[in-house]
Amino acid sequence: MAVAIRRTKFFDGWNVDQAKLIDALGESTFGPVLLATTRNLCGAEHLALYDLCEDAPVALATASPCAAATASQQASLYVSGGYWRCDPLLAQIGRLELGDPAMIARLDPEHLAATDLRDTIYRPHNVVGRLVLGARLRSGPVALSLIRTRRRGPFSPADAVSLQDVASDLIHLLGKHVALRRSLGSAAASLRSLAVIEREIAASRHCLSRREAQVSARILYGMTTVGIALDLEIGQESVATYRRRGYDRLGIASQRELLLWYLDRWSASQAEAETEPVYRARADQAVGIRNHHPYRHG
């Protein structure tokens, strides 16, 4: 009965929390908003969201109470020190197949076989409980790590049930945030390739002429008017003319607006390529949730 009352109380505010998360997608504020949501949901005190598609995990959101840097610092140490390599929960998430249900598991740090992980990451901050939500999306696996200290005690089975109740929607939002953060990084990387810039401009719905597109691409690439003129073997006045015509077609008036237009275009094209399916956690994974021991890999 107590669990049912708690779940009803949480769901009264879920739509509000979900709307706040949507507003924060891709932003640096996503971590604190996510912490507020998971605090209401299951009493989380700290969190870290990891993108697991690279050679090493990438922390795309962290948060601690009162804007403290604890979660950020520990996530950085966890990754840079290679402690993630002996984390049994990340290993399990990495083995998930596309279409598998989301994984929800509790871990008691004191039972960790990896003593370095326990003594360096958890014990110094009095961590007594960890609750992890993970799934494999089309773009790769993601993991949300929730932490509780002695102040609040370990996560309970009821906390895992509460997380399971919104796992489908939450995984979907986490996937969107990961995609947006990747997009920002990949957009910056794309500006280092003239061929990629030209291809992206050519794929836009704005019909720039060949010369307008070439000049715009080289402006984004960082070339000067003189450099563009030499590269395209045209005069500097022609460069200025094509730039003006291109800006007019795009409805912009400056190089900064051209950059913003390109970043918007890039984000849109990445979003079109990454429509994530919604994942649902199995009820028995949360209702009968296990106290996870790291030496159990099954």
C-alpha atoms as a PDB file:
ATOM      1  CA  MET A   1       0.000   0.000   0.000  1.00  0.00           C
ATOM      2  CA  ALA A   2       2.826   2.407   0.870  1.00  0.00           C
ATOM      3  CA  VAL A   3       4.469   1.813  -2.520  1.00  0.00           C
ATOM      4  CA  ALA A   4       1.196   2.457  -4.381  1.00  0.00           C
ATOM      5  CA  ILE A   5       0.649   5.728  -2.513  1.00  0.00           C
ATOM      6  CA  ARG A   6       4.163   6.854  -3.281  1.00  0.00           C
ATOM      7  CA  ARG A   7       3.814   6.054  -6.981  1.00  0.00           C
ATOM      8  CA  THR A   8       0.535   7.969  -7.202  1.00  0.00           C
ATOM      9  CA  LYS A   9       2.108  10.977  -5.498  1.00  0.00           C
ATOM     10  CA  PHE A  10       5.014  10.939  -7.945  1.00  0.00           C
ATOM     11  CA  PHE A  11       2.868  10.577 -11.036  1.00  0.00           C
ATOM     12  CA  ASP A  12       0.890  13.649 -10.004  1.00  0.00           C
ATOM     13  CA  GLY A  13       4.054  15.632 -10.761  1.00  0.00           C
ATOM     14  CA  TRP A  14       5.546  13.522 -13.567  1.00  0.00           C
ATOM     15  CA  ASN A  15       4.079  15.595 -16.396  1.00  0.00           C
ATOM     16  CA  VAL A  16       5.587  18.731 -14.872  1.00  0.00           C
ATOM     17  CA  ASP A  17       8.996  17.071 -14.390  1.00  0.00           C
ATOM     18  CA  GLN A  18       8.863  15.628 -17.895  1.00  0.00           C
ATOM     19  CA  ALA A  19       8.114  19.055 -19.388  1.00  0.00           C
ATOM     20  CA  LYS A  20      11.089  20.536 -17.526  1.00  0.00           C
ATOM     21  CA  LEU A  21      13.346  17.794 -18.841  1.00  0.00           C
ATOM     22  CA  ILE A  22      12.173  18.423 -22.393  1.00  0.00           C
ATOM     23  CA  ASP A  23      12.916  22.133 -22.032  1.00  0.00           C
ATOM     24  CA  ALA A  24      16.447  21.325 -20.811  1.00  0.00           C
ATOM     25  CA  LEU A  25      17.325  18.787 -23.539  1.00  0.00           C
ATOM     26  CA  GLY A  26      20.778  19.462 -24.951  1.00  0.00           C
ATOM     27  CA  GLU A  27      21.477  22.171 -22.360  1.00  0.00           C
ATOM     28  CA  SER A  28      23.930  22.285 -19.453  1.00  0.00           C
ATOM     29  CA  THR A  29      20.936  22.555 -17.120  1.00  0.00           C
ATOM     30  CA  PHE A  30      19.748  19.050 -18.026  1.00  0.00           C
ATOM     31  CA  GLY A  31      21.756  17.436 -15.220  1.00  0.00           C
ATOM     32  CA  PRO A  32      20.284  19.520 -12.363  1.00  0.00           C
ATOM     33  CA  VAL A  33      16.757  19.171 -13.781  1.00  0.00           C
ATOM     34  CA  LEU A  34      17.248  15.412 -14.075  1.00  0.00           C
ATOM     35  CA  LEU A  35      18.496  15.270 -10.478  1.00  0.00           C
ATOM     36  CA  ALA A  36      15.400  17.114  -9.251  1.00  0.00           C
ATOM     37  CA  THR A  37      13.247  14.597 -11.138  1.00  0.00           C
ATOM     38  CA  THR A  38      15.060  11.513  -9.836  1.00  0.00           C
ATOM     39  CA  ARG A  39      15.128  12.957  -6.319  1.00  0.00           C
ATOM     40  CA  ASN A  40      11.336  13.125  -6.435  1.00  0.00           C
ATOM     41  CA  LEU A  41      11.220   9.713  -8.043  1.00  0.00           C
ATOM     42  CA  CYS A  42      13.564   7.613  -5.915  1.00  0.00           C
ATOM     43  CA  GLY A  43      15.543   9.871  -3.601  1.00  0.00           C
ATOM     44  CA  ALA A  44      18.698  10.192  -5.730  1.00  0.00           C
ATOM     45  CA  GLU A  45      21.362  12.506  -4.289  1.00  0.00           C
ATOM     46  CA  HIS A  46      23.896  12.532  -7.138  1.00  0.00           C
ATOM     47  CA  LEU A  47      23.808  11.394 -10.754  1.00  0.00           C
ATOM     48  CA  ALA A  48      25.854  10.932 -13.888  1.00  0.00           C
ATOM     49  CA  LEU A  49      24.582  10.209 -17.411  1.00  0.00           C
ATOM     50  CA  TYR A  50      27.057   8.326 -19.603  1.00  0.00           C
ATOM     51  CA  ASP A  51      27.213   7.908 -23.364  1.00  0.00           C
ATOM     52  CA  LEU A  52      28.813   4.488 -23.888  1.00  0.00           C
ATOM     53  CA  CYS A  53      29.329   4.522 -27.653  1.00  0.00           C
ATOM     54  CA  GLU A  54      32.941   5.749 -27.531  1.00  0.00           C
ATOM     55  CA  ASP A  55      36.105   3.866 -26.534  1.00  0.00           C
ATOM     56  CA  ALA A  56      35.496   5.149 -23.004  1.00  0.00           C
ATOM     57  CA  PRO A  57      32.307   6.465 -21.351  1.00  0.00           C
ATOM     58  CA  VAL A  58      31.529  10.146 -21.848  1.00  0.00           C
ATOM     59  CA  ALA A  59      29.696  11.917 -19.024  1.00  0.00           C
ATOM     60  CA  LEU A  60      27.094  14.104 -20.745  1.00  0.00           C
ATOM     61  CA  ALA A  61      25.303  15.246 -17.576  1.00  0.00           C
ATOM     62  CA  THR A  62      26.205  15.275 -13.886  1.00  0.00           C
ATOM     63  CA  ALA A  63      24.552  16.828 -10.858  1.00  0.00           C
ATOM     64  CA  SER A  64      24.913  17.042  -7.080  1.00  0.00           C
ATOM     65  CA  PRO A  65      22.954  18.879  -4.364  1.00  0.00           C
ATOM     66  CA  CYS A  66      23.404  22.654  -4.062  1.00  0.00           C
ATOM     67  CA  ALA A  67      25.311  22.804  -7.382  1.00  0.00           C
ATOM     68  CA  ALA A  68      28.283  21.009  -5.802  1.00  0.00           C
ATOM     69  CA  ALA A  69      30.889  19.557  -8.151  1.00  0.00           C
ATOM     70  CA  THR A  70      31.021  16.150  -6.425  1.00  0.00           C
ATOM     71  CA  ALA A  71      29.306  14.152  -9.171  1.00  0.00           C
ATOM     72  CA  SER A  72      31.247  15.920 -11.918  1.00  0.00           C
ATOM     73  CA  GLN A  73      34.596  15.323 -10.199  1.00  0.00           C
ATOM     74  CA  GLN A  74      33.858  11.681  -9.441  1.00  0.00           C
ATOM     75  CA  ALA A  75      32.563  11.034 -12.960  1.00  0.00           C
ATOM     76  CA  SER A  76      35.759  12.543 -14.363  1.00  0.00           C
ATOM     77  CA  LEU A  77      37.898  10.366 -12.061  1.00  0.00           C
ATOM     78  CA  TYR A  78      35.761   7.320 -12.861  1.00  0.00           C
ATOM     79  CA  VAL A  79      36.438   7.753 -16.589  1.00  0.00           C
ATOM     80  CA  SER A  80      40.010   9.101 -16.620  1.00  0.00           C
ATOM     81  CA  GLY A  81      41.190   6.563 -14.042  1.00  0.00           C
ATOM     82  CA  GLY A  82      39.708   3.678 -16.023  1.00  0.00           C
ATOM     83  CA  TYR A  83      37.555   2.542 -13.096  1.00  0.00           C
ATOM     84  CA  TRP A  84      34.636   2.028 -15.482  1.00  0.00           C
ATOM     85  CA  ARG A  85      36.465  -0.980 -16.880  1.00  0.00           C
ATOM     86  CA  CYS A  86      35.746  -2.954 -13.690  1.00  0.00           C
ATOM     87  CA  ASP A  87      32.162  -1.709 -13.310  1.00  0.00           C
ATOM     88  CA  PRO A  88      29.936  -4.791 -13.731  1.00  0.00           C
ATOM     89  CA  LEU A  89      26.794  -2.762 -14.451  1.00  0.00           C
ATOM     90  CA  LEU A  90      28.359  -0.925 -17.393  1.00  0.00           C
ATOM     91  CA  ALA A  91      29.549  -4.257 -18.735  1.00  0.00           C
ATOM     92  CA  GLN A  92      25.984  -5.574 -18.605  1.00  0.00           C
ATOM     93  CA  ILE A  93      24.590  -2.510 -20.360  1.00  0.00           C
ATOM     94  CA  GLY A  94      27.243  -2.841 -23.043  1.00  0.00           C
ATOM     95  CA  ARG A  95      26.019  -6.371 -23.767  1.00  0.00           C
ATOM     96  CA  LEU A  96      22.418  -5.290 -24.339  1.00  0.00           C
ATOM     97  CA  GLU A  97      21.114  -5.726 -27.871  1.00  0.00           C
ATOM     98  CA  LEU A  98      18.996  -3.219 -29.778  1.00  0.00           C
ATOM     99  CA  GLY A  99      15.395  -3.863 -28.785  1.00  0.00           C
ATOM    100  CA  ASP A 100      16.217  -5.435 -25.414  1.00  0.00           C
ATOM    101  CA  PRO A 101      14.242  -4.010 -22.485  1.00  0.00           C
ATOM    102  CA  ALA A 102      15.942  -1.370 -20.394  1.00  0.00           C
ATOM    103  CA  MET A 103      18.071  -2.693 -17.547  1.00  0.00           C
ATOM    104  CA  ILE A 104      17.435  -1.531 -13.986  1.00  0.00           C
ATOM    105  CA  ALA A 105      19.774  -2.758 -11.245  1.00  0.00           C
ATOM    106  CA  ARG A 106      20.793  -1.880  -7.716  1.00  0.00           C
ATOM    107  CA  LEU A 107      24.343  -2.193  -6.467  1.00  0.00           C
ATOM    108  CA  ASP A 108      25.748  -2.169  -2.943  1.00  0.00           C
ATOM    109  CA  PRO A 109      29.261  -0.664  -3.246  1.00  0.00           C
ATOM    110  CA  GLU A 110      30.441  -2.566  -0.173  1.00  0.00           C
ATOM    111  CA  HIS A 111      29.966  -5.839  -2.047  1.00  0.00           C
ATOM    112  CA  LEU A 112      32.095  -4.767  -5.007  1.00  0.00           C
ATOM    113  CA  ALA A 113      34.774  -7.264  -5.964  1.00  0.00           C
ATOM    114  CA  ALA A 114      36.690  -4.375  -7.569  1.00  0.00           C
ATOM    115  CA  THR A 115      38.158  -2.865  -4.407  1.00  0.00           C
ATOM    116  CA  ASP A 116      39.894  -0.004  -6.261  1.00  0.00           C
ATOM    117  CA  LEU A 117      36.535   1.153  -7.627  1.00  0.00           C
ATOM    118  CA  ARG A 118      34.952   0.872  -4.187  1.00  0.00           C
ATOM    119  CA  ASP A 119      37.796   2.584  -2.288  1.00  0.00           C
ATOM    120  CA  THR A 120      38.403   5.413  -4.781  1.00  0.00           C
ATOM    121  CA  ILE A 121      34.984   6.268  -6.157  1.00  0.00           C
ATOM    122  CA  TYR A 122      32.472   5.286  -3.472  1.00  0.00           C
ATOM    123  CA  ARG A 123      33.925   5.105   0.048  1.00  0.00           C
ATOM    124  CA  PRO A 124      35.464   8.619   0.161  1.00  0.00           C
ATOM    125  CA  HIS A 125      31.960  10.077  -0.305  1.00  0.00           C
ATOM    126  CA  ASN A 126      30.102   7.612   1.938  1.00  0.00           C
ATOM    127  CA  VAL A 127      28.193   6.088  -0.980  1.00  0.00           C
ATOM    128  CA  VAL A 128      25.968   3.226   0.205  1.00  0.00           C
ATOM    129  CA  GLY A 129      23.717   2.718  -2.796  1.00  0.00           C
ATOM    130  CA  ARG A 130      23.690   2.922  -6.579  1.00  0.00           C
ATOM    131  CA  LEU A 131      20.718   2.523  -8.900  1.00  0.00           C
ATOM    132  CA  VAL A 132      21.410   2.252 -12.632  1.00  0.00           C
ATOM    133  CA  LEU A 133      19.109   2.565 -15.627  1.00  0.00           C
ATOM    134  CA  GLY A 134      20.600   1.506 -18.938  1.00  0.00           C
ATOM    135  CA  ALA A 135      19.518   0.701 -22.483  1.00  0.00           C
ATOM    136  CA  ARG A 136      20.903   0.271 -25.961  1.00  0.00           C
ATOM    137  CA  LEU A 137      19.493   2.857 -28.341  1.00  0.00           C
ATOM    138  CA  ARG A 138      20.031   2.989 -32.089  1.00  0.00           C
ATOM    139  CA  SER A 139      22.943   5.341 -31.511  1.00  0.00           C
ATOM    140  CA  GLY A 140      24.504   3.093 -28.853  1.00  0.00           C
ATOM    141  CA  PRO A 141      24.178   2.276 -25.144  1.00  0.00           C
ATOM    142  CA  VAL A 142      23.482   4.885 -22.455  1.00  0.00           C
ATOM    143  CA  ALA A 143      23.594   4.583 -18.665  1.00  0.00           C
ATOM    144  CA  LEU A 144      22.114   6.726 -15.911  1.00  0.00           C
ATOM    145  CA  SER A 145      23.875   6.189 -12.586  1.00  0.00           C
ATOM    146  CA  LEU A 146      22.027   7.367  -9.461  1.00  0.00           C
ATOM    147  CA  ILE A 147      23.813   7.596  -6.111  1.00  0.00           C
ATOM    148  CA  ARG A 148      22.770   7.725  -2.466  1.00  0.00           C
ATOM    149  CA  THR A 149      24.981   8.276   0.573  1.00  0.00           C
ATOM    150  CA  ARG A 150      24.676   7.360   4.254  1.00  0.00           C
ATOM    151  CA  ARG A 151      22.582  10.478   4.705  1.00  0.00           C
ATOM    152  CA  ARG A 152      19.611   8.801   2.965  1.00  0.00           C
ATOM    153  CA  GLY A 153      20.628   5.159   3.051  1.00  0.00           C
ATOM    154  CA  PRO A 154      20.585   2.571   0.250  1.00  0.00           C
ATOM    155  CA  PHE A 155      18.014   2.443  -2.537  1.00  0.00           C
ATOM    156  CA  SER A 156      15.103   0.146  -1.782  1.00  0.00           C
ATOM    157  CA  PRO A 157      13.200  -2.227  -4.085  1.00  0.00           C
ATOM    158  CA  ALA A 158      10.360   0.338  -4.050  1.00  0.00           C
ATOM    159  CA  ASP A 159      12.782   2.964  -5.419  1.00  0.00           C
ATOM    160  CA  ALA A 160      13.600   0.623  -8.304  1.00  0.00           C
ATOM    161  CA  VAL A 161       9.872   0.121  -8.936  1.00  0.00           C
ATOM    162  CA  SER A 162       9.389   3.882  -9.143  1.00  0.00           C
ATOM    163  CA  LEU A 163      12.221   4.137 -11.670  1.00  0.00           C
ATOM    164  CA  GLN A 164      10.744   1.277 -13.698  1.00  0.00           C
ATOM    165  CA  ASP A 165       7.375   3.034 -13.839  1.00  0.00           C
ATOM    166  CA  VAL A 166       8.824   5.863 -15.956  1.00  0.00           C
ATOM    167  CA  ALA A 167      11.733   3.978 -17.543  1.00  0.00           C
ATOM    168  CA  SER A 168      10.230   4.077 -21.040  1.00  0.00           C
ATOM    169  CA  ASP A 169       9.738   7.845 -21.120  1.00  0.00           C
ATOM    170  CA  LEU A 170      12.956   8.544 -19.256  1.00  0.00           C
ATOM    171  CA  ILE A 171      15.131   6.447 -21.574  1.00  0.00           C
ATOM    172  CA  HIS A 172      13.575   8.233 -24.543  1.00  0.00           C
ATOM    173  CA  LEU A 173      14.480  11.627 -23.073  1.00  0.00           C
ATOM    174  CA  LEU A 174      17.982  10.513 -22.125  1.00  0.00           C
ATOM    175  CA  GLY A 175      18.513   9.323 -25.685  1.00  0.00           C
ATOM    176  CA  LYS A 176      17.385  12.670 -27.075  1.00  0.00           C
ATOM    177  CA  HIS A 177      19.747  14.551 -24.755  1.00  0.00           C
ATOM    178  CA  VAL A 178      22.656  12.306 -25.722  1.00  0.00           C
ATOM    179  CA  ALA A 179      21.886  12.807 -29.430  1.00  0.00           C
ATOM    180  CA  LEU A 180      21.753  16.592 -29.014  1.00  0.00           C
ATOM    181  CA  ARG A 181      25.017  16.743 -27.071  1.00  0.00           C
ATOM    182  CA  ARG A 182      26.698  14.553 -29.676  1.00  0.00           C
ATOM    183  CA  SER A 183      25.298  16.774 -32.396  1.00  0.00           C
ATOM    184  CA  LEU A 184      26.865  19.873 -30.864  1.00  0.00           C
ATOM    185  CA  GLY A 185      30.233  18.167 -30.725  1.00  0.00           C
ATOM    186  CA  SER A 186      29.951  16.699 -34.200  1.00  0.00           C
ATOM    187  CA  ALA A 187      28.824  20.053 -35.617  1.00  0.00           C
ATOM    188  CA  ALA A 188      31.994  21.665 -34.324  1.00  0.00           C
ATOM    189  CA  ALA A 189      34.005  18.797 -35.802  1.00  0.00           C
ATOM    190  CA  SER A 190      32.175  19.149 -39.117  1.00  0.00           C
ATOM    191  CA  LEU A 191      33.370  22.737 -39.419  1.00  0.00           C
ATOM    192  CA  ARG A 192      36.893  21.358 -39.791  1.00  0.00           C
ATOM    193  CA  SER A 193      35.946  19.659 -43.063  1.00  0.00           C
ATOM    194  CA  LEU A 194      35.148  21.803 -46.116  1.00  0.00           C
ATOM    195  CA  ALA A 195      33.675  18.783 -47.914  1.00  0.00           C
ATOM    196  CA  VAL A 196      31.249  18.108 -45.038  1.00  0.00           C
ATOM    197  CA  ILE A 197      30.194  21.771 -44.911  1.00  0.00           C
ATOM    198  CA  GLU A 198      29.550  21.847 -48.656  1.00  0.00           C
ATOM    199  CA  ARG A 199      27.569  18.609 -48.478  1.00  0.00           C
ATOM    200  CA  GLU A 200      25.425  19.927 -45.607  1.00  0.00           C
ATOM    201  CA  ILE A 201      24.679  23.193 -47.416  1.00  0.00           C
ATOM    202  CA  ALA A 202      23.799  21.300 -50.597  1.00  0.00           C
ATOM    203  CA  ALA A 203      21.333  19.140 -48.621  1.00  0.00           C
ATOM    204  CA  SER A 204      19.449  22.138 -47.197  1.00  0.00           C
ATOM    205  CA  ARG A 205      16.095  23.253 -48.595  1.00  0.00           C
ATOM    206  CA  HIS A 206      17.551  26.662 -49.480  1.00  0.00           C
ATOM    207  CA  CYS A 207      18.514  26.728 -53.157  1.00  0.00           C
ATOM    208  CA  LEU A 208      21.864  28.502 -53.206  1.00  0.00           C
ATOM    209  CA  SER A 209      23.664  28.732 -56.502  1.00  0.00           C
ATOM    210  CA  ARG A 210      26.873  26.735 -56.838  1.00  0.00           C
ATOM    211  CA  ARG A 211      29.049  29.811 -56.268  1.00  0.00           C
ATOM    212  CA  GLU A 212      26.910  31.065 -53.368  1.00  0.00           C
ATOM    213  CA  ALA A 213      27.208  27.672 -51.706  1.00  0.00           C
ATOM    214  CA  GLN A 214      30.963  27.512 -52.316  1.00  0.00           C
ATOM    215  CA  VAL A 215      31.524  30.979 -50.847  1.00  0.00           C
ATOM    216  CA  SER A 216      29.266  30.317 -47.848  1.00  0.00           C
ATOM    217  CA  ALA A 217      31.017  27.013 -47.143  1.00  0.00           C
ATOM    218  CA  ARG A 218      34.430  28.664 -47.205  1.00  0.00           C
ATOM    219  CA  ILE A 219      33.270  31.443 -44.884  1.00  0.00           C
ATOM    220  CA  LEU A 220      32.151  28.747 -42.415  1.00  0.00           C
ATOM    221  CA  TYR A 221      35.459  26.971 -42.921  1.00  0.00           C
ATOM    222  CA  GLY A 222      37.230  30.128 -41.740  1.00  0.00           C
ATOM    223  CA  MET A 223      38.707  31.444 -44.975  1.00  0.00           C
ATOM    224  CA  THR A 224      39.146  35.165 -45.620  1.00  0.00           C
ATOM    225  CA  THR A 225      37.775  37.003 -48.644  1.00  0.00           C
ATOM    226  CA  VAL A 226      41.227  36.949 -50.217  1.00  0.00           C
ATOM    227  CA  GLY A 227      41.616  33.245 -49.483  1.00  0.00           C
ATOM    228  CA  ILE A 228      38.218  32.437 -50.989  1.00  0.00           C
ATOM    229  CA  ALA A 229      39.010  34.471 -54.100  1.00  0.00           C
ATOM    230  CA  LEU A 230      42.291  32.627 -54.608  1.00  0.00           C
ATOM    231  CA  ASP A 231      40.763  29.221 -53.914  1.00  0.00           C
ATOM    232  CA  LEU A 232      37.856  29.700 -56.343  1.00  0.00           C
ATOM    233  CA  GLU A 233      39.926  31.718 -58.818  1.00  0.00           C
ATOM    234  CA  ILE A 234      37.485  34.643 -58.817  1.00  0.00           C
ATOM    235  CA  GLY A 235      37.819  38.288 -57.836  1.00  0.00           C
ATOM    236  CA  GLN A 236      37.280  39.612 -54.311  1.00  0.00           C
ATOM    237  CA  GLU A 237      34.330  41.678 -55.519  1.00  0.00           C
ATOM    238  CA  SER A 238      32.726  38.496 -56.869  1.00  0.00           C
ATOM    239  CA  VAL A 239      33.226  36.852 -53.461  1.00  0.00           C
ATOM    240  CA  ALA A 240      31.413  39.794 -51.813  1.00  0.00           C
ATOM    241  CA  THR A 241      28.590  39.559 -54.380  1.00  0.00           C
ATOM    242  CA  TYR A 242      28.066  35.811 -53.876  1.00  0.00           C
ATOM    243  CA  ARG A 243      28.230  36.247 -50.112  1.00  0.00           C
ATOM    244  CA  ARG A 244      25.535  38.943 -50.194  1.00  0.00           C
ATOM    245  CA  ARG A 245      23.299  36.908 -52.504  1.00  0.00           C
ATOM    246  CA  GLY A 246      23.723  33.809 -50.365  1.00  0.00           C
ATOM    247  CA  TYR A 247      22.884  35.726 -47.193  1.00  0.00           C
ATOM    248  CA  ASP A 248      19.777  37.144 -48.863  1.00  0.00           C
ATOM    249  CA  ARG A 249      18.557  33.673 -49.843  1.00  0.00           C
ATOM    250  CA  LEU A 250      19.119  32.393 -46.292  1.00  0.00           C
ATOM    251  CA  GLY A 251      17.465  35.440 -44.735  1.00  0.00           C
ATOM    252  CA  ILE A 252      20.567  36.394 -42.736  1.00  0.00           C
ATOM    253  CA  ALA A 253      22.855  39.401 -42.620  1.00  0.00           C
ATOM    254  CA  SER A 254      26.127  38.393 -40.956  1.00  0.00           C
ATOM    255  CA  GLN A 255      28.751  35.682 -40.610  1.00  0.00           C
ATOM    256  CA  ARG A 256      27.513  34.921 -37.093  1.00  0.00           C
ATOM    257  CA  GLU A 257      23.994  34.331 -38.415  1.00  0.00           C
ATOM    258  CA  LEU A 258      25.454  32.073 -41.096  1.00  0.00           C
ATOM    259  CA  LEU A 259      27.124  29.983 -38.379  1.00  0.00           C
ATOM    260  CA  LEU A 260      23.878  29.772 -36.379  1.00  0.00           C
ATOM    261  CA  TRP A 261      21.987  28.766 -39.516  1.00  0.00           C
ATOM    262  CA  TYR A 262      24.523  26.011 -40.215  1.00  0.00           C
ATOM    263  CA  LEU A 263      24.394  24.686 -36.625  1.00  0.00           C
ATOM    264  CA  ASP A 264      20.589  24.586 -36.765  1.00  0.00           C
ATOM    265  CA  ARG A 265      20.761  22.797 -40.104  1.00  0.00           C
ATOM    266  CA  TRP A 266      23.292  20.300 -38.751  1.00  0.00           C
ATOM    267  CA  SER A 267      21.237  19.576 -35.624  1.00  0.00           C
ATOM    268  CA  ALA A 268      18.108  19.038 -37.697  1.00  0.00           C
ATOM    269  CA  SER A 269      19.826  16.617 -40.050  1.00  0.00           C
ATOM    270  CA  GLN A 270      21.269  14.638 -37.131  1.00  0.00           C
ATOM    271  CA  ALA A 271      17.887  14.521 -35.396  1.00  0.00           C
ATOM    272  CA  GLU A 272      16.264  13.163 -38.562  1.00  0.00           C
ATOM    273  CA  ALA A 273      18.837  10.369 -38.597  1.00  0.00           C
ATOM    274  CA  GLU A 274      18.337   9.522 -34.927  1.00  0.00           C
ATOM    275  CA  THR A 275      14.677   8.823 -34.237  1.00  0.00           C
ATOM    276  CA  GLU A 276      14.957   6.619 -31.198  1.00  0.00           C
ATOM    277  CA  PRO A 277      12.487   3.861 -30.390  1.00  0.00           C
ATOM    278  CA  VAL A 278      10.886   3.877 -26.957  1.00  0.00           C
ATOM    279  CA  TYR A 279      12.214   1.201 -24.635  1.00  0.00           C
ATOM    280  CA  ARG A 280      10.206  -0.378 -21.873  1.00  0.00           C
ATOM    281  CA  ALA A 281      11.690  -2.092 -18.864  1.00  0.00           C
ATOM    282  CA  ARG A 282      10.313  -5.456 -17.867  1.00  0.00           C
ATOM    283  CA  ALA A 283       8.079  -5.247 -14.837  1.00  0.00           C
ATOM    284  CA  ASP A 284       9.820  -8.172 -13.239  1.00  0.00           C
ATOM    285  CA  GLN A 285      13.173  -6.414 -13.492  1.00  0.00           C
ATOM    286  CA  ALA A 286      11.949  -3.723 -11.139  1.00  0.00           C
ATOM    287  CA  VAL A 287       9.238  -5.433  -9.075  1.00  0.00           C
ATOM    288  CA  GLY A 288      11.521  -8.343  -8.316  1.00  0.00           C
ATOM    289  CA  ILE A 289      14.616  -6.162  -8.591  1.00  0.00           C
ATOM    290  CA  ARG A 290      17.775  -7.785  -7.403  1.00  0.00           C
ATOM    291  CA  ASN A 291      20.490  -6.560  -5.117  1.00  0.00           C
ATOM    292  CA  HIS A 292      23.251  -6.752  -7.689  1.00  0.00           C
ATOM    293  CA  HIS A 293      26.615  -8.231  -6.802  1.00  0.00           C
ATOM    294  CA  PRO A 294      29.400  -7.436  -9.300  1.00  0.00           C
ATOM    295  CA  TYR A 295      30.703 -10.973  -9.474  1.00  0.00           C
ATOM    296  CA  ARG A 296      27.371 -11.987 -11.013  1.00  0.00           C
ATOM    297  CA  HIS A 297      27.569 -11.157 -14.697  1.00  0.00           C
ATOM    298  CA  GLY A 298      24.481 -13.007 -15.780  1.00  0.00           C
END
